[in-house]
Protein backbone atom coordinates (compact mmCIF):
# COMPACT_ATOMS: atom_id res chain seq x y z
CA MET A 1 -66.63 -19.77 -19.60
CA ILE A 2 -68.00 -21.74 -22.52
CA GLU A 3 -65.55 -22.46 -25.35
CA SER A 4 -66.75 -22.94 -28.90
CA SER A 5 -65.49 -23.05 -32.47
CA CYS A 6 -66.59 -21.39 -35.70
CA VAL A 7 -65.27 -22.59 -39.06
CA TYR A 8 -65.69 -21.13 -42.54
CA LEU A 9 -64.92 -23.50 -45.39
CA ILE A 10 -63.67 -21.65 -48.47
CA GLN A 11 -63.50 -22.99 -52.02
CA ASP A 12 -63.37 -21.27 -55.42
CA GLY A 13 -64.19 -17.84 -53.94
CA LYS A 14 -67.21 -19.17 -52.02
CA TRP A 15 -67.68 -19.54 -48.25
CA LEU A 16 -69.84 -22.19 -46.63
CA PHE A 17 -72.36 -20.69 -44.20
CA LEU A 18 -75.25 -22.15 -42.22
CA GLU A 19 -78.57 -20.29 -42.28
CA ARG A 20 -80.18 -21.19 -38.97
CA ASN A 21 -83.78 -21.74 -40.00
CA ARG A 22 -84.90 -25.15 -38.72
CA LYS A 23 -84.46 -25.24 -34.95
CA LYS A 24 -87.22 -23.97 -32.63
CA ASN A 25 -86.38 -21.35 -29.98
CA ASP A 26 -83.01 -20.70 -31.64
CA LEU A 27 -81.12 -17.55 -30.65
CA ASN A 28 -79.47 -17.68 -34.10
CA HIS A 29 -82.73 -18.17 -36.04
CA GLY A 30 -82.62 -16.31 -39.35
CA TYR A 31 -78.90 -15.53 -39.13
CA TRP A 32 -76.14 -16.88 -41.34
CA ILE A 33 -73.31 -18.24 -39.21
CA GLY A 34 -70.15 -20.30 -39.54
CA ILE A 35 -70.03 -24.03 -38.87
CA GLY A 36 -69.29 -24.86 -35.26
CA GLY A 37 -70.40 -25.36 -31.72
CA LYS A 38 -69.43 -25.93 -28.13
CA LYS A 39 -66.32 -27.80 -27.01
CA GLU A 40 -66.96 -31.09 -25.26
CA ALA A 41 -65.14 -32.32 -22.16
CA GLY A 42 -61.73 -33.76 -22.94
CA GLU A 43 -61.30 -32.25 -26.40
CA THR A 44 -59.15 -29.35 -27.58
CA ILE A 45 -60.73 -26.42 -29.38
CA ARG A 46 -59.18 -27.65 -32.66
CA GLU A 47 -60.70 -31.09 -32.10
CA CYS A 48 -64.01 -29.36 -31.40
CA ALA A 49 -63.80 -27.46 -34.69
CA LEU A 50 -63.02 -30.61 -36.68
CA ARG A 51 -65.81 -32.58 -34.97
CA GLU A 52 -68.39 -29.84 -35.48
CA VAL A 53 -67.60 -29.52 -39.19
CA LYS A 54 -67.93 -33.31 -39.60
CA GLU A 55 -71.23 -33.39 -37.65
CA GLU A 56 -72.80 -30.39 -39.39
CA THR A 57 -71.55 -30.89 -42.97
CA GLY A 58 -70.24 -34.45 -43.33
CA LEU A 59 -66.83 -33.08 -44.38
CA GLU A 60 -63.46 -33.98 -42.84
CA VAL A 61 -61.24 -30.89 -42.77
CA LYS A 62 -57.53 -31.35 -43.54
CA ASP A 63 -56.12 -27.80 -43.11
CA LEU A 64 -57.73 -25.92 -40.23
CA GLN A 65 -56.29 -22.38 -40.08
CA PHE A 66 -56.69 -20.18 -36.99
CA GLN A 67 -58.10 -16.72 -37.80
CA GLY A 68 -58.87 -15.18 -34.44
CA ARG A 69 -60.79 -15.31 -31.21
CA VAL A 70 -63.87 -13.49 -29.95
CA TYR A 71 -64.67 -13.10 -26.26
CA PHE A 72 -68.44 -12.80 -26.16
CA ARG A 73 -70.59 -11.59 -23.27
CA GLN A 74 -74.35 -11.14 -22.92
CA ASP A 75 -75.54 -10.47 -19.38
CA ALA A 76 -74.12 -13.36 -17.27
CA TYR A 77 -73.40 -15.53 -20.33
CA ARG A 78 -69.71 -15.77 -21.34
CA GLU A 79 -68.26 -17.54 -24.35
CA VAL A 80 -64.93 -17.57 -26.14
CA ILE A 81 -65.20 -18.44 -29.83
CA SER A 82 -62.15 -19.60 -31.80
CA VAL A 83 -62.58 -18.80 -35.50
CA TYR A 84 -60.99 -20.88 -38.27
CA THR A 85 -60.99 -21.31 -42.03
CA ALA A 86 -60.31 -24.39 -44.12
CA SER A 87 -59.84 -24.98 -47.83
CA LEU A 88 -59.00 -28.71 -47.94
CA TRP A 89 -61.38 -31.49 -46.93
CA THR A 90 -62.73 -34.86 -47.97
CA GLY A 91 -66.29 -36.06 -48.27
CA SER A 92 -69.44 -34.49 -49.65
CA VAL A 93 -71.72 -31.94 -48.05
CA GLN A 94 -74.70 -33.26 -46.12
CA GLN A 95 -77.42 -30.91 -44.92
CA ASP A 96 -77.48 -29.91 -41.27
CA PRO A 97 -80.67 -30.46 -39.21
CA GLU A 98 -80.33 -26.98 -37.63
CA GLY A 99 -80.41 -25.06 -40.89
CA THR A 100 -79.58 -24.75 -44.55
CA LEU A 101 -75.97 -24.88 -45.71
CA GLY A 102 -75.12 -22.53 -48.54
CA TRP A 103 -72.02 -21.64 -50.55
CA ILE A 104 -71.90 -17.84 -50.58
CA ARG A 105 -69.78 -15.90 -53.05
CA GLU A 106 -67.11 -13.90 -51.25
CA GLU A 107 -68.49 -10.63 -52.63
CA ASP A 108 -71.93 -11.49 -51.19
CA VAL A 109 -70.86 -12.45 -47.66
CA MET A 110 -71.50 -8.99 -46.20
CA LYS A 111 -74.99 -8.93 -47.78
CA LEU A 112 -76.13 -11.82 -45.56
CA HIS A 113 -78.21 -11.41 -42.40
CA LEU A 114 -75.27 -11.59 -39.97
CA TRP A 115 -74.81 -10.83 -36.31
CA PRO A 116 -73.26 -7.33 -35.96
CA GLY A 117 -70.16 -8.74 -34.28
CA ASP A 118 -69.71 -11.33 -37.04
CA ARG A 119 -69.65 -8.50 -39.59
CA ILE A 120 -66.66 -7.00 -37.80
CA PHE A 121 -64.46 -10.09 -37.84
CA LEU A 122 -65.68 -11.34 -41.23
CA GLU A 123 -64.63 -8.05 -42.78
CA ARG A 124 -61.16 -8.63 -41.33
CA MET A 125 -61.11 -12.18 -42.67
CA LEU A 126 -62.18 -11.08 -46.14
CA LYS A 127 -59.24 -8.64 -46.16
CA LYS A 128 -56.97 -11.40 -44.80
CA ASP A 129 -56.22 -9.11 -41.84
CA VAL A 130 -55.73 -11.85 -39.24
CA PRO A 131 -55.32 -12.87 -36.53
CA PHE A 132 -57.87 -10.80 -34.64
CA PHE A 133 -58.93 -10.74 -30.99
CA TYR A 134 -62.13 -9.00 -29.91
CA HIS A 135 -64.19 -8.56 -26.77
CA MET A 136 -67.85 -8.09 -27.75
CA VAL A 137 -70.76 -7.32 -25.46
CA TYR A 138 -74.42 -7.73 -26.43
CA ASP A 139 -77.37 -6.49 -24.40
CA ALA A 140 -80.35 -8.65 -23.41
CA GLN A 141 -82.12 -7.79 -26.69
CA GLY A 142 -79.18 -9.02 -28.81
CA GLN A 143 -77.84 -5.59 -29.72
CA LEU A 144 -74.08 -5.16 -29.93
CA VAL A 145 -73.28 -2.49 -27.34
CA GLU A 146 -69.50 -2.71 -26.98
CA VAL A 147 -66.59 -3.84 -29.12
CA LYS A 148 -63.01 -3.72 -28.01
CA GLU A 149 -60.18 -4.91 -30.21
CA LEU A 150 -57.54 -6.58 -28.11
CA GLN A 151 -53.90 -6.12 -29.07
CA ALA A 152 -53.01 -9.53 -27.74
CA GLU A 153 -55.05 -12.55 -26.82
CA GLY A 154 -54.45 -12.39 -23.09
CA GLU A 155 -55.31 -8.67 -22.77
CA LEU A 156 -58.86 -9.19 -21.48
């Protein structure tokens, strides 16, 4: 199973999102997503999250906070995504080659073009109802067909 991270940086009531609009043949094209990516060999998921934020934004996070985990399945593809927030960092934002970074007002987050599953856990995060654990299944066309909230992380 692939492991990946997703981080939302939050400052002054705004969340940093990445609109995936530059990469060709991108499954996420046109969607607004958190900052993150796949874990590399030999690193922890926290190290992955910190590395991905640095690579995609130029920022060095100082206070990574675990929010929840999503077990994602689409056909034979399996991924577990650890979701974090951060509100302390150093550096200045640099644009990502895969898309456009944008600070989105908290009240506008749910107005973005988001994956259906992201809407579910982002709503929880906006209400500060964390941690969360979900199992989400998408069909071959990218439609969310099943969502199961897990009571505990190891319930799957």
